[in-house]
């Protein structure tokens, strides 16, 4: 059994956070049993913020799921992006007004 998975469940139980939602495209597609034609349209609706803005130029194209994943990885999973997240993980300190639970949850998200 994956100890990291157990930690996530434990942390969510302690923090009383919503149930686990699939975090990767493949998990989402599998969990919700999306048909091939529905995969990209469904996943693109889940994009928010900067990712949603970035995707807007691709939205009009009929991109297949494999290409969708490739584009996302090229944009959001580059070595420079990972390095920036690691720096943020190790440097960010808890703010005075931030609860311990929120601080730990944010650190955990950066770790993922």
C-alpha atoms as a PDB file:
ATOM      1  CA  UNK A   1       0.000   0.000   0.000  1.00  0.00           C
ATOM      2  CA  UNK A   2       1.257   3.476  -0.858  1.00  0.00           C
ATOM      3  CA  UNK A   3       2.201   5.294   2.379  1.00  0.00           C
ATOM      4  CA  UNK A   4       1.904   8.665   0.644  1.00  0.00           C
ATOM      5  CA  UNK A   5      -1.694   7.814  -0.245  1.00  0.00           C
ATOM      6  CA  UNK A   6      -2.358   6.956   3.388  1.00  0.00           C
ATOM      7  CA  UNK A   7      -0.788  10.243   4.480  1.00  0.00           C
ATOM      8  CA  UNK A   8      -3.064  12.169   2.124  1.00  0.00           C
ATOM      9  CA  UNK A   9      -6.174  10.482   3.519  1.00  0.00           C
ATOM     10  CA  UNK A  10      -4.968  11.066   7.072  1.00  0.00           C
ATOM     11  CA  UNK A  11      -4.153  14.730   6.422  1.00  0.00           C
ATOM     12  CA  UNK A  12      -7.525  15.312   4.744  1.00  0.00           C
ATOM     13  CA  UNK A  13      -9.323  13.670   7.660  1.00  0.00           C
ATOM     14  CA  UNK A  14      -7.468  15.888  10.132  1.00  0.00           C
ATOM     15  CA  UNK A  15      -8.094  19.000   8.086  1.00  0.00           C
ATOM     16  CA  UNK A  16     -11.704  18.043   7.302  1.00  0.00           C
ATOM     17  CA  UNK A  17     -11.134  18.733   3.613  1.00  0.00           C
ATOM     18  CA  UNK A  18     -13.305  17.541   0.742  1.00  0.00           C
ATOM     19  CA  UNK A  19     -12.857  13.934  -0.435  1.00  0.00           C
ATOM     20  CA  UNK A  20      -9.994  13.101  -2.746  1.00  0.00           C
ATOM     21  CA  UNK A  21     -10.586  14.228  -6.323  1.00  0.00           C
ATOM     22  CA  UNK A  22      -8.478  12.761  -9.128  1.00  0.00           C
ATOM     23  CA  UNK A  23      -5.490  15.042  -9.714  1.00  0.00           C
ATOM     24  CA  UNK A  24      -4.133  13.742 -13.002  1.00  0.00           C
ATOM     25  CA  UNK A  25      -5.831  13.648 -16.381  1.00  0.00           C
ATOM     26  CA  UNK A  26      -5.510   9.866 -16.611  1.00  0.00           C
ATOM     27  CA  UNK A  27      -7.025   9.369 -13.151  1.00  0.00           C
ATOM     28  CA  UNK A  28      -9.923  11.671 -14.016  1.00  0.00           C
ATOM     29  CA  UNK A  29     -10.601   9.947 -17.350  1.00  0.00           C
ATOM     30  CA  UNK A  30     -10.487   6.520 -15.690  1.00  0.00           C
ATOM     31  CA  UNK A  31     -12.499   7.454 -12.598  1.00  0.00           C
ATOM     32  CA  UNK A  32     -15.313   9.041 -14.592  1.00  0.00           C
ATOM     33  CA  UNK A  33     -15.051   6.561 -17.493  1.00  0.00           C
ATOM     34  CA  UNK A  34     -14.991   9.321 -20.105  1.00  0.00           C
ATOM     35  CA  UNK A  35     -15.520   8.346 -23.739  1.00  0.00           C
ATOM     36  CA  UNK A  36     -12.694   9.278 -26.133  1.00  0.00           C
ATOM     37  CA  UNK A  37     -14.689  12.135 -27.654  1.00  0.00           C
ATOM     38  CA  UNK A  38     -15.530  13.593 -24.236  1.00  0.00           C
ATOM     39  CA  UNK A  39     -12.068  13.486 -22.669  1.00  0.00           C
ATOM     40  CA  UNK A  40     -10.566  16.771 -23.885  1.00  0.00           C
ATOM     41  CA  UNK A  41     -13.819  18.809 -23.760  1.00  0.00           C
ATOM     42  CA  UNK A  42     -14.435  17.631 -20.180  1.00  0.00           C
ATOM     43  CA  UNK A  43     -10.868  18.186 -18.996  1.00  0.00           C
ATOM     44  CA  UNK A  44     -10.575  21.626 -20.571  1.00  0.00           C
ATOM     45  CA  UNK A  45     -13.619  22.751 -18.586  1.00  0.00           C
ATOM     46  CA  UNK A  46     -11.729  21.933 -15.380  1.00  0.00           C
ATOM     47  CA  UNK A  47      -8.862  24.322 -16.207  1.00  0.00           C
ATOM     48  CA  UNK A  48      -8.738  27.511 -14.133  1.00  0.00           C
ATOM     49  CA  UNK A  49      -6.744  30.719 -13.964  1.00  0.00           C
ATOM     50  CA  UNK A  50      -3.586  30.932 -16.024  1.00  0.00           C
ATOM     51  CA  UNK A  51      -4.089  27.413 -17.415  1.00  0.00           C
ATOM     52  CA  UNK A  52      -7.526  28.354 -18.733  1.00  0.00           C
ATOM     53  CA  UNK A  53      -6.136  31.485 -20.397  1.00  0.00           C
ATOM     54  CA  UNK A  54      -3.239  29.532 -21.887  1.00  0.00           C
ATOM     55  CA  UNK A  55      -5.569  26.850 -23.280  1.00  0.00           C
ATOM     56  CA  UNK A  56      -7.932  29.355 -24.944  1.00  0.00           C
ATOM     57  CA  UNK A  57      -5.881  29.396 -28.171  1.00  0.00           C
ATOM     58  CA  UNK A  58      -6.024  25.582 -28.391  1.00  0.00           C
ATOM     59  CA  UNK A  59      -9.710  25.358 -27.474  1.00  0.00           C
ATOM     60  CA  UNK A  60     -10.920  25.851 -31.058  1.00  0.00           C
ATOM     61  CA  UNK A  61      -8.729  23.024 -32.356  1.00  0.00           C
ATOM     62  CA  UNK A  62      -9.910  19.464 -32.095  1.00  0.00           C
ATOM     63  CA  UNK A  63      -6.995  18.163 -30.066  1.00  0.00           C
ATOM     64  CA  UNK A  64      -6.868  14.470 -29.192  1.00  0.00           C
ATOM     65  CA  UNK A  65      -6.318  13.381 -25.605  1.00  0.00           C
ATOM     66  CA  UNK A  66      -2.672  12.338 -26.143  1.00  0.00           C
ATOM     67  CA  UNK A  67      -1.854  15.742 -27.663  1.00  0.00           C
ATOM     68  CA  UNK A  68      -3.738  17.496 -24.846  1.00  0.00           C
ATOM     69  CA  UNK A  69      -1.549  15.743 -22.266  1.00  0.00           C
ATOM     70  CA  UNK A  70       1.601  16.503 -24.246  1.00  0.00           C
ATOM     71  CA  UNK A  71       0.740  20.206 -24.478  1.00  0.00           C
ATOM     72  CA  UNK A  72      -0.041  20.389 -20.760  1.00  0.00           C
ATOM     73  CA  UNK A  73       3.197  18.656 -19.823  1.00  0.00           C
ATOM     74  CA  UNK A  74       5.256  20.866 -22.109  1.00  0.00           C
ATOM     75  CA  UNK A  75       3.735  23.980 -20.568  1.00  0.00           C
ATOM     76  CA  UNK A  76       3.327  23.051 -16.901  1.00  0.00           C
ATOM     77  CA  UNK A  77       5.798  20.229 -16.224  1.00  0.00           C
ATOM     78  CA  UNK A  78       9.032  21.683 -17.552  1.00  0.00           C
ATOM     79  CA  UNK A  79      12.252  21.494 -15.501  1.00  0.00           C
ATOM     80  CA  UNK A  80      12.108  25.246 -14.838  1.00  0.00           C
ATOM     81  CA  UNK A  81       8.533  24.972 -13.533  1.00  0.00           C
ATOM     82  CA  UNK A  82       9.499  22.088 -11.233  1.00  0.00           C
ATOM     83  CA  UNK A  83      12.511  24.025  -9.968  1.00  0.00           C
ATOM     84  CA  UNK A  84      10.371  27.076  -9.214  1.00  0.00           C
ATOM     85  CA  UNK A  85       7.893  24.913  -7.276  1.00  0.00           C
ATOM     86  CA  UNK A  86      10.676  23.251  -5.277  1.00  0.00           C
ATOM     87  CA  UNK A  87      12.106  26.644  -4.380  1.00  0.00           C
ATOM     88  CA  UNK A  88       8.652  27.769  -3.253  1.00  0.00           C
ATOM     89  CA  UNK A  89       8.216  24.541  -1.258  1.00  0.00           C
ATOM     90  CA  UNK A  90      11.415  25.064   0.719  1.00  0.00           C
ATOM     91  CA  UNK A  91      11.385  28.856   1.065  1.00  0.00           C
ATOM     92  CA  UNK A  92       7.759  29.766   1.834  1.00  0.00           C
ATOM     93  CA  UNK A  93       7.109  30.327   5.529  1.00  0.00           C
ATOM     94  CA  UNK A  94       3.832  30.208   7.392  1.00  0.00           C
ATOM     95  CA  UNK A  95       2.160  33.621   7.529  1.00  0.00           C
ATOM     96  CA  UNK A  96       1.055  34.967  10.902  1.00  0.00           C
ATOM     97  CA  UNK A  97      -2.641  34.834   9.952  1.00  0.00           C
ATOM     98  CA  UNK A  98      -2.422  31.444   8.199  1.00  0.00           C
ATOM     99  CA  UNK A  99      -3.692  28.388  10.058  1.00  0.00           C
ATOM    100  CA  UNK A 100      -1.425  25.375  10.440  1.00  0.00           C
ATOM    101  CA  UNK A 101      -3.849  23.263   8.417  1.00  0.00           C
ATOM    102  CA  UNK A 102      -3.877  25.683   5.492  1.00  0.00           C
ATOM    103  CA  UNK A 103      -0.096  26.031   5.589  1.00  0.00           C
ATOM    104  CA  UNK A 104       0.413  22.246   5.570  1.00  0.00           C
ATOM    105  CA  UNK A 105      -2.144  21.742   2.818  1.00  0.00           C
ATOM    106  CA  UNK A 106      -0.393  24.329   0.634  1.00  0.00           C
ATOM    107  CA  UNK A 107       2.980  22.681   1.278  1.00  0.00           C
ATOM    108  CA  UNK A 108       1.521  19.278   0.414  1.00  0.00           C
ATOM    109  CA  UNK A 109       0.103  20.607  -2.870  1.00  0.00           C
ATOM    110  CA  UNK A 110       3.508  22.008  -3.780  1.00  0.00           C
ATOM    111  CA  UNK A 111       5.075  18.651  -2.920  1.00  0.00           C
ATOM    112  CA  UNK A 112       2.750  16.802  -5.279  1.00  0.00           C
END
